[in-house]
Each structure stands twice: as structure tokens, then as C-alpha cells.
Amino acid sequence: MSTTVSRYTAALALLTHPHSPKRRSGAKMLRKLKDPAAGPALLVALQHELQDPRTWETQYQMIMALAETDYRPVLPYLEALVHHQFEATMIYTALGDAIVRLGHSSTDDVAPALRLLTTDNQMLIAGALRAIAMLHLTPSQAEVEQLIDYVLNHSPHHGADFWIAAAAPGWSGKRVEQFLAQAALSQDDNTRRAAIAAQQKHYLKWNPA
């Protein structure tokens, strides 16, 4: 048995462990392995996990694992979860990220993120913008301006301005240049680094939780 198969089998087994930290560990492993075959088991595990609001960190990792495995049949279920009330708002960040990852059809498709803007859920939107940055998506000029304008006109940002800067190396136009010039002066170190790199058309590597 190969090492990858062994890790995959071990990770699946952890999803049903009686202790949430172990289940979270299994989800993290599957998130790294990116095997779509894990999708059905992850969905079942998430449905069980959501019954206990105390295990939000495990729920977050299961959602992200579903996104990274590219298990697209789960998309309607995750979109329905957007309307649930979660005390741990980081779950919305995972949902926003996952919905964009699973819902986009090409490298220039940000339609799922634009739909999430209408929710006005800042954590959800920050997750969507994070996915745009991590996937290096390149929307149309009008869509770029729509994303930038949304971030600038809504507060608090919950890191949304950082993720726009991180997404921008592949973007162009005066509106982008103006945004990056402002972000390059940010007091936040990561936002400043991302903006300066984007001005040089260089993507930096980011490792979100």
C-alpha cells in the first residue's frame, strides 16, 4: 500500500473518531490530499459535526476539505448553510471560500463571489475574496472594479482589503493601481506586502488556516 493511500485511509477513519480534535485532524489531512473520492464521507461527517456548535474549528476544516477536494455535488448544501446562524463566524469564511472554489467554472469566473456580495455578510465575503486570491482568478475589468469598490465602501473589512491586494497581481487598470497604492501604505504588514508584490505583478504564497 502506498504512503498516499495509507494516509487517505487513516484520514477517512479519523472522520468518525469520538473526539473532535481527531476528526479535525482527519479533515486537515484530506484537505491536503485533495482527493474528490473523499467528498461523500466528508459531507456525512460535516452534517454530523454541525449538530454541535462547540466544534466549529472542526466544521471549518471539513468545509475547507470539501472545497479542496473539489467535490462539486456538495455546493447546493454549502450555499444553503449561508443562511444559517453560526455563532462562530469563521464558518462563514470557510463557506465563502468553498462556494467560490466549487462554483467557479474558469480562471476568469468570479460570479459566485459577486453573488455573495449581496449577502452583506463580511466574513462570508472575505472568504470569497480569499478564494479569488488563492486561485489567481482574473475577472473582467468591470468585475474587478466592483470588487474593489465593495471593499472600500464597507467596514469592517475582516481582511477583505488584504485579499483584494493578494488577488491583484493578475489584474490591471487605473482603479487597481489606485487601490494598490493605498494598500501599499497600510499599517497591516501582510496587506502592505501583498500590495507591493501586486504592483510588481508577483503573487506571494499565502497559507490560510
C-alpha atoms as a PDB file:
ATOM      1  CA  MET A   1       0.000   0.000   0.000  1.00  0.00           C
ATOM      2  CA  SER A   2       1.420   3.397  -0.997  1.00  0.00           C
ATOM      3  CA  THR A   3       2.023   6.130   1.548  1.00  0.00           C
ATOM      4  CA  THR A   4      -0.685   8.320  -0.018  1.00  0.00           C
ATOM      5  CA  VAL A   5      -3.277   5.537   0.093  1.00  0.00           C
ATOM      6  CA  SER A   6      -2.335   4.784   3.677  1.00  0.00           C
ATOM      7  CA  ARG A   7      -2.732   8.438   4.680  1.00  0.00           C
ATOM      8  CA  TYR A   8      -6.056   8.644   2.855  1.00  0.00           C
ATOM      9  CA  THR A   9      -7.395   5.560   4.652  1.00  0.00           C
ATOM     10  CA  ALA A  10      -6.193   6.862   8.014  1.00  0.00           C
ATOM     11  CA  ALA A  11      -7.761  10.273   7.393  1.00  0.00           C
ATOM     12  CA  LEU A  12     -11.127   8.760   6.475  1.00  0.00           C
ATOM     13  CA  ALA A  13     -11.077   6.672   9.636  1.00  0.00           C
ATOM     14  CA  LEU A  14     -10.448   9.772  11.748  1.00  0.00           C
ATOM     15  CA  LEU A  15     -13.638  11.431  10.482  1.00  0.00           C
ATOM     16  CA  THR A  16     -15.669   9.123  12.734  1.00  0.00           C
ATOM     17  CA  HIS A  17     -13.375   9.336  15.773  1.00  0.00           C
ATOM     18  CA  PRO A  18     -15.254  10.078  19.038  1.00  0.00           C
ATOM     19  CA  HIS A  19     -13.116  13.171  19.725  1.00  0.00           C
ATOM     20  CA  SER A  20     -13.490  16.323  17.632  1.00  0.00           C
ATOM     21  CA  PRO A  21      -9.750  17.212  17.512  1.00  0.00           C
ATOM     22  CA  LYS A  22      -9.094  13.839  15.878  1.00  0.00           C
ATOM     23  CA  ARG A  23     -11.907  14.404  13.389  1.00  0.00           C
ATOM     24  CA  ARG A  24     -10.416  17.815  12.661  1.00  0.00           C
ATOM     25  CA  SER A  25      -7.035  16.182  12.059  1.00  0.00           C
ATOM     26  CA  GLY A  26      -8.627  13.822   9.557  1.00  0.00           C
ATOM     27  CA  ALA A  27     -10.273  16.707   7.736  1.00  0.00           C
ATOM     28  CA  LYS A  28      -6.967  18.586   7.562  1.00  0.00           C
ATOM     29  CA  MET A  29      -5.268  15.526   6.086  1.00  0.00           C
ATOM     30  CA  LEU A  30      -7.967  15.162   3.436  1.00  0.00           C
ATOM     31  CA  ARG A  31      -7.750  18.873   2.688  1.00  0.00           C
ATOM     32  CA  LYS A  32      -4.077  18.383   1.803  1.00  0.00           C
ATOM     33  CA  LEU A  33      -4.640  15.183  -0.187  1.00  0.00           C
ATOM     34  CA  LYS A  34      -7.300  16.844  -2.405  1.00  0.00           C
ATOM     35  CA  ASP A  35      -8.922  13.554  -3.420  1.00  0.00           C
ATOM     36  CA  PRO A  36     -12.506  14.026  -4.721  1.00  0.00           C
ATOM     37  CA  ALA A  37     -13.325  10.479  -3.590  1.00  0.00           C
ATOM     38  CA  ALA A  38     -13.327  11.765  -0.003  1.00  0.00           C
ATOM     39  CA  GLY A  39     -16.249  14.089  -0.733  1.00  0.00           C
ATOM     40  CA  PRO A  40     -19.171  11.853   0.310  1.00  0.00           C
ATOM     41  CA  ALA A  41     -17.526  10.862   3.608  1.00  0.00           C
ATOM     42  CA  LEU A  42     -16.650  14.485   4.368  1.00  0.00           C
ATOM     43  CA  LEU A  43     -20.218  15.590   3.695  1.00  0.00           C
ATOM     44  CA  VAL A  44     -21.642  12.994   6.089  1.00  0.00           C
ATOM     45  CA  ALA A  45     -19.043  13.967   8.695  1.00  0.00           C
ATOM     46  CA  LEU A  46     -19.866  17.671   8.331  1.00  0.00           C
ATOM     47  CA  GLN A  47     -23.593  17.050   8.694  1.00  0.00           C
ATOM     48  CA  HIS A  48     -22.938  15.256  11.985  1.00  0.00           C
ATOM     49  CA  GLU A  49     -20.422  17.857  13.152  1.00  0.00           C
ATOM     50  CA  LEU A  50     -22.798  20.764  12.600  1.00  0.00           C
ATOM     51  CA  GLN A  51     -25.023  19.416  15.362  1.00  0.00           C
ATOM     52  CA  ASP A  52     -22.518  20.641  17.957  1.00  0.00           C
ATOM     53  CA  PRO A  53     -21.685  24.379  17.745  1.00  0.00           C
ATOM     54  CA  ARG A  54     -18.733  23.862  20.089  1.00  0.00           C
ATOM     55  CA  THR A  55     -16.767  22.049  17.374  1.00  0.00           C
ATOM     56  CA  TRP A  56     -16.700  24.961  14.949  1.00  0.00           C
ATOM     57  CA  GLU A  57     -12.975  24.555  14.237  1.00  0.00           C
ATOM     58  CA  THR A  58     -13.605  21.016  13.012  1.00  0.00           C
ATOM     59  CA  GLN A  59     -16.586  22.194  10.978  1.00  0.00           C
ATOM     60  CA  TYR A  60     -14.373  24.845   9.379  1.00  0.00           C
ATOM     61  CA  GLN A  61     -11.755  22.270   8.354  1.00  0.00           C
ATOM     62  CA  MET A  62     -14.375  19.893   6.959  1.00  0.00           C
ATOM     63  CA  ILE A  63     -15.844  22.639   4.789  1.00  0.00           C
ATOM     64  CA  MET A  64     -12.384  23.574   3.534  1.00  0.00           C
ATOM     65  CA  ALA A  65     -11.581  19.919   2.861  1.00  0.00           C
ATOM     66  CA  LEU A  66     -14.726  19.633   0.752  1.00  0.00           C
ATOM     67  CA  ALA A  67     -13.597  22.705  -1.175  1.00  0.00           C
ATOM     68  CA  GLU A  68     -10.037  21.477  -1.703  1.00  0.00           C
ATOM     69  CA  THR A  69     -11.206  18.042  -2.853  1.00  0.00           C
ATOM     70  CA  ASP A  70     -13.330  19.792  -5.494  1.00  0.00           C
ATOM     71  CA  TYR A  71     -16.397  17.774  -4.541  1.00  0.00           C
ATOM     72  CA  ARG A  72     -18.890  19.876  -6.515  1.00  0.00           C
ATOM     73  CA  PRO A  73     -22.078  17.946  -5.633  1.00  0.00           C
ATOM     74  CA  VAL A  74     -21.854  19.498  -2.150  1.00  0.00           C
ATOM     75  CA  LEU A  75     -22.215  23.050  -3.474  1.00  0.00           C
ATOM     76  CA  PRO A  76     -26.020  23.406  -3.010  1.00  0.00           C
ATOM     77  CA  TYR A  77     -25.708  22.182   0.574  1.00  0.00           C
ATOM     78  CA  LEU A  78     -22.982  24.718   1.372  1.00  0.00           C
ATOM     79  CA  GLU A  79     -24.971  27.500  -0.286  1.00  0.00           C
ATOM     80  CA  ALA A  80     -27.923  26.628   1.948  1.00  0.00           C
ATOM     81  CA  LEU A  81     -25.687  26.851   5.036  1.00  0.00           C
ATOM     82  CA  VAL A  82     -25.000  30.502   4.201  1.00  0.00           C
ATOM     83  CA  HIS A  83     -28.445  31.312   5.594  1.00  0.00           C
ATOM     84  CA  HIS A  84     -27.869  29.551   8.927  1.00  0.00           C
ATOM     85  CA  GLN A  85     -26.966  31.482  12.043  1.00  0.00           C
ATOM     86  CA  PHE A  86     -23.492  30.454  13.177  1.00  0.00           C
ATOM     87  CA  GLU A  87     -22.111  31.831  16.417  1.00  0.00           C
ATOM     88  CA  ALA A  88     -18.579  31.087  15.208  1.00  0.00           C
ATOM     89  CA  THR A  89     -18.375  33.445  12.246  1.00  0.00           C
ATOM     90  CA  MET A  90     -15.203  31.817  10.882  1.00  0.00           C
ATOM     91  CA  ILE A  91     -17.520  29.161   9.458  1.00  0.00           C
ATOM     92  CA  TYR A  92     -18.831  31.821   7.087  1.00  0.00           C
ATOM     93  CA  THR A  93     -15.274  32.453   5.894  1.00  0.00           C
ATOM     94  CA  ALA A  94     -14.900  28.777   5.042  1.00  0.00           C
ATOM     95  CA  LEU A  95     -18.273  28.785   3.294  1.00  0.00           C
ATOM     96  CA  GLY A  96     -17.393  31.837   1.186  1.00  0.00           C
ATOM     97  CA  ASP A  97     -14.077  30.291   0.201  1.00  0.00           C
ATOM     98  CA  ALA A  98     -15.638  26.911  -0.601  1.00  0.00           C
ATOM     99  CA  ILE A  99     -18.519  28.323  -2.631  1.00  0.00           C
ATOM    100  CA  VAL A 100     -16.129  30.210  -4.910  1.00  0.00           C
ATOM    101  CA  ARG A 101     -13.768  27.239  -5.276  1.00  0.00           C
ATOM    102  CA  LEU A 102     -16.584  24.824  -6.093  1.00  0.00           C
ATOM    103  CA  GLY A 103     -18.720  27.260  -8.067  1.00  0.00           C
ATOM    104  CA  HIS A 104     -16.263  28.889 -10.454  1.00  0.00           C
ATOM    105  CA  SER A 105     -16.062  27.438 -13.953  1.00  0.00           C
ATOM    106  CA  SER A 106     -12.901  29.082 -15.273  1.00  0.00           C
ATOM    107  CA  THR A 107      -9.981  31.278 -14.253  1.00  0.00           C
ATOM    108  CA  ASP A 108     -11.963  34.419 -15.066  1.00  0.00           C
ATOM    109  CA  ASP A 109     -15.206  33.377 -13.344  1.00  0.00           C
ATOM    110  CA  VAL A 110     -15.930  35.283 -10.139  1.00  0.00           C
ATOM    111  CA  ALA A 111     -19.719  35.112 -10.433  1.00  0.00           C
ATOM    112  CA  PRO A 112     -20.058  33.060  -7.211  1.00  0.00           C
ATOM    113  CA  ALA A 113     -18.179  35.755  -5.282  1.00  0.00           C
ATOM    114  CA  LEU A 114     -20.238  38.561  -6.789  1.00  0.00           C
ATOM    115  CA  ARG A 115     -23.433  36.783  -5.725  1.00  0.00           C
ATOM    116  CA  LEU A 116     -22.132  36.579  -2.175  1.00  0.00           C
ATOM    117  CA  LEU A 117     -21.620  40.355  -2.102  1.00  0.00           C
ATOM    118  CA  THR A 118     -25.394  40.723  -1.928  1.00  0.00           C
ATOM    119  CA  THR A 119     -25.479  38.931   1.452  1.00  0.00           C
ATOM    120  CA  ASP A 120     -23.518  41.755   3.102  1.00  0.00           C
ATOM    121  CA  ASN A 121     -22.027  39.073   5.379  1.00  0.00           C
ATOM    122  CA  GLN A 122     -18.492  40.409   5.784  1.00  0.00           C
ATOM    123  CA  MET A 123     -16.905  37.133   6.907  1.00  0.00           C
ATOM    124  CA  LEU A 124     -18.558  35.246   4.047  1.00  0.00           C
ATOM    125  CA  ILE A 125     -17.354  37.838   1.560  1.00  0.00           C
ATOM    126  CA  ALA A 126     -13.826  37.803   2.979  1.00  0.00           C
ATOM    127  CA  GLY A 127     -13.771  34.042   2.402  1.00  0.00           C
ATOM    128  CA  ALA A 128     -14.913  34.511  -1.180  1.00  0.00           C
ATOM    129  CA  LEU A 129     -12.201  37.092  -1.808  1.00  0.00           C
ATOM    130  CA  ARG A 130      -9.651  34.764  -0.236  1.00  0.00           C
ATOM    131  CA  ALA A 131     -10.563  32.073  -2.763  1.00  0.00           C
ATOM    132  CA  ILE A 132     -10.217  34.550  -5.641  1.00  0.00           C
ATOM    133  CA  ALA A 133      -6.709  35.367  -4.427  1.00  0.00           C
ATOM    134  CA  MET A 134      -5.657  31.777  -3.777  1.00  0.00           C
ATOM    135  CA  LEU A 135      -6.951  30.619  -7.173  1.00  0.00           C
ATOM    136  CA  HIS A 136      -5.387  33.599  -9.008  1.00  0.00           C
ATOM    137  CA  LEU A 137      -8.700  34.381 -10.704  1.00  0.00           C
ATOM    138  CA  THR A 138      -8.684  37.201 -13.264  1.00  0.00           C
ATOM    139  CA  PRO A 139     -12.161  38.744 -13.618  1.00  0.00           C
ATOM    140  CA  SER A 140     -13.211  41.345 -16.164  1.00  0.00           C
ATOM    141  CA  GLN A 141     -12.324  44.978 -15.613  1.00  0.00           C
ATOM    142  CA  ALA A 142     -15.867  45.827 -14.565  1.00  0.00           C
ATOM    143  CA  GLU A 143     -15.887  42.954 -12.071  1.00  0.00           C
ATOM    144  CA  VAL A 144     -12.509  43.983 -10.665  1.00  0.00           C
ATOM    145  CA  GLU A 145     -13.824  47.478 -10.060  1.00  0.00           C
ATOM    146  CA  GLN A 146     -16.985  46.084  -8.463  1.00  0.00           C
ATOM    147  CA  LEU A 147     -14.917  44.015  -6.016  1.00  0.00           C
ATOM    148  CA  ILE A 148     -12.616  46.908  -5.143  1.00  0.00           C
ATOM    149  CA  ASP A 149     -15.490  49.339  -4.693  1.00  0.00           C
ATOM    150  CA  TYR A 150     -17.287  46.917  -2.392  1.00  0.00           C
ATOM    151  CA  VAL A 151     -14.263  46.503  -0.144  1.00  0.00           C
ATOM    152  CA  LEU A 152     -13.605  50.240   0.054  1.00  0.00           C
ATOM    153  CA  ASN A 153     -17.226  51.076   0.833  1.00  0.00           C
ATOM    154  CA  HIS A 154     -17.824  48.518   3.584  1.00  0.00           C
ATOM    155  CA  SER A 155     -16.348  48.380   7.070  1.00  0.00           C
ATOM    156  CA  PRO A 156     -15.134  46.407   8.949  1.00  0.00           C
ATOM    157  CA  HIS A 157     -13.256  44.591   6.208  1.00  0.00           C
ATOM    158  CA  HIS A 158     -12.255  41.405   8.091  1.00  0.00           C
ATOM    159  CA  GLY A 159      -9.151  41.159   5.918  1.00  0.00           C
ATOM    160  CA  ALA A 160     -11.032  41.742   2.658  1.00  0.00           C
ATOM    161  CA  ASP A 161      -8.683  44.561   1.627  1.00  0.00           C
ATOM    162  CA  PHE A 162      -5.716  42.233   2.156  1.00  0.00           C
ATOM    163  CA  TRP A 163      -7.237  39.517  -0.029  1.00  0.00           C
ATOM    164  CA  ILE A 164      -8.014  42.006  -2.789  1.00  0.00           C
ATOM    165  CA  ALA A 165      -4.359  43.074  -2.742  1.00  0.00           C
ATOM    166  CA  ALA A 166      -3.267  39.423  -2.760  1.00  0.00           C
ATOM    167  CA  ALA A 167      -5.542  38.743  -5.748  1.00  0.00           C
ATOM    168  CA  ALA A 168      -4.436  41.760  -7.763  1.00  0.00           C
ATOM    169  CA  PRO A 169      -1.110  40.724  -9.419  1.00  0.00           C
ATOM    170  CA  GLY A 170      -3.049  39.450 -12.431  1.00  0.00           C
ATOM    171  CA  TRP A 171      -5.309  42.497 -12.609  1.00  0.00           C
ATOM    172  CA  SER A 172      -4.780  45.809 -14.381  1.00  0.00           C
ATOM    173  CA  GLY A 173      -6.296  49.250 -14.768  1.00  0.00           C
ATOM    174  CA  LYS A 174      -6.224  52.609 -13.066  1.00  0.00           C
ATOM    175  CA  ARG A 175      -8.660  51.563 -10.336  1.00  0.00           C
ATOM    176  CA  VAL A 176      -6.367  48.674  -9.417  1.00  0.00           C
ATOM    177  CA  GLU A 177      -3.304  50.928  -9.396  1.00  0.00           C
ATOM    178  CA  GLN A 178      -5.057  53.391  -7.093  1.00  0.00           C
ATOM    179  CA  PHE A 179      -6.157  50.666  -4.724  1.00  0.00           C
ATOM    180  CA  LEU A 180      -2.689  49.106  -4.562  1.00  0.00           C
ATOM    181  CA  ALA A 181      -1.034  52.479  -3.974  1.00  0.00           C
ATOM    182  CA  GLN A 182      -3.297  52.981  -0.980  1.00  0.00           C
ATOM    183  CA  ALA A 183      -2.882  49.405   0.270  1.00  0.00           C
ATOM    184  CA  ALA A 184       0.917  49.687  -0.004  1.00  0.00           C
ATOM    185  CA  LEU A 185       0.716  52.281   2.787  1.00  0.00           C
ATOM    186  CA  SER A 186      -1.395  50.060   5.049  1.00  0.00           C
ATOM    187  CA  GLN A 187      -0.426  49.629   8.691  1.00  0.00           C
ATOM    188  CA  ASP A 188      -1.078  45.906   8.292  1.00  0.00           C
ATOM    189  CA  ASP A 189       2.148  44.142   7.299  1.00  0.00           C
ATOM    190  CA  ASN A 190       0.512  41.466   5.136  1.00  0.00           C
ATOM    191  CA  THR A 191      -1.673  43.938   3.265  1.00  0.00           C
ATOM    192  CA  ARG A 192       1.357  46.119   2.591  1.00  0.00           C
ATOM    193  CA  ARG A 193       3.439  43.139   1.394  1.00  0.00           C
ATOM    194  CA  ALA A 194       0.643  41.860  -0.830  1.00  0.00           C
ATOM    195  CA  ALA A 195       0.099  45.279  -2.383  1.00  0.00           C
ATOM    196  CA  ILE A 196       3.763  45.893  -3.114  1.00  0.00           C
ATOM    197  CA  ALA A 197       4.082  42.438  -4.665  1.00  0.00           C
ATOM    198  CA  ALA A 198       0.952  43.046  -6.755  1.00  0.00           C
ATOM    199  CA  GLN A 199       2.384  46.315  -8.036  1.00  0.00           C
ATOM    200  CA  GLN A 200       5.276  44.180  -9.335  1.00  0.00           C
ATOM    201  CA  LYS A 201       2.804  41.620 -10.784  1.00  0.00           C
ATOM    202  CA  HIS A 202       4.082  38.982  -8.382  1.00  0.00           C
ATOM    203  CA  TYR A 203       1.904  36.509  -6.477  1.00  0.00           C
ATOM    204  CA  LEU A 204       3.095  35.715  -2.982  1.00  0.00           C
ATOM    205  CA  LYS A 205       2.354  32.372  -1.327  1.00  0.00           C
ATOM    206  CA  TRP A 206      -0.197  32.573   1.471  1.00  0.00           C
ATOM    207  CA  ASN A 207      -1.246  29.770   3.817  1.00  0.00           C
ATOM    208  CA  PRO A 208      -4.672  30.482   5.328  1.00  0.00           C
ATOM    209  CA  ALA A 209      -5.928  28.371   8.234  1.00  0.00           C
END
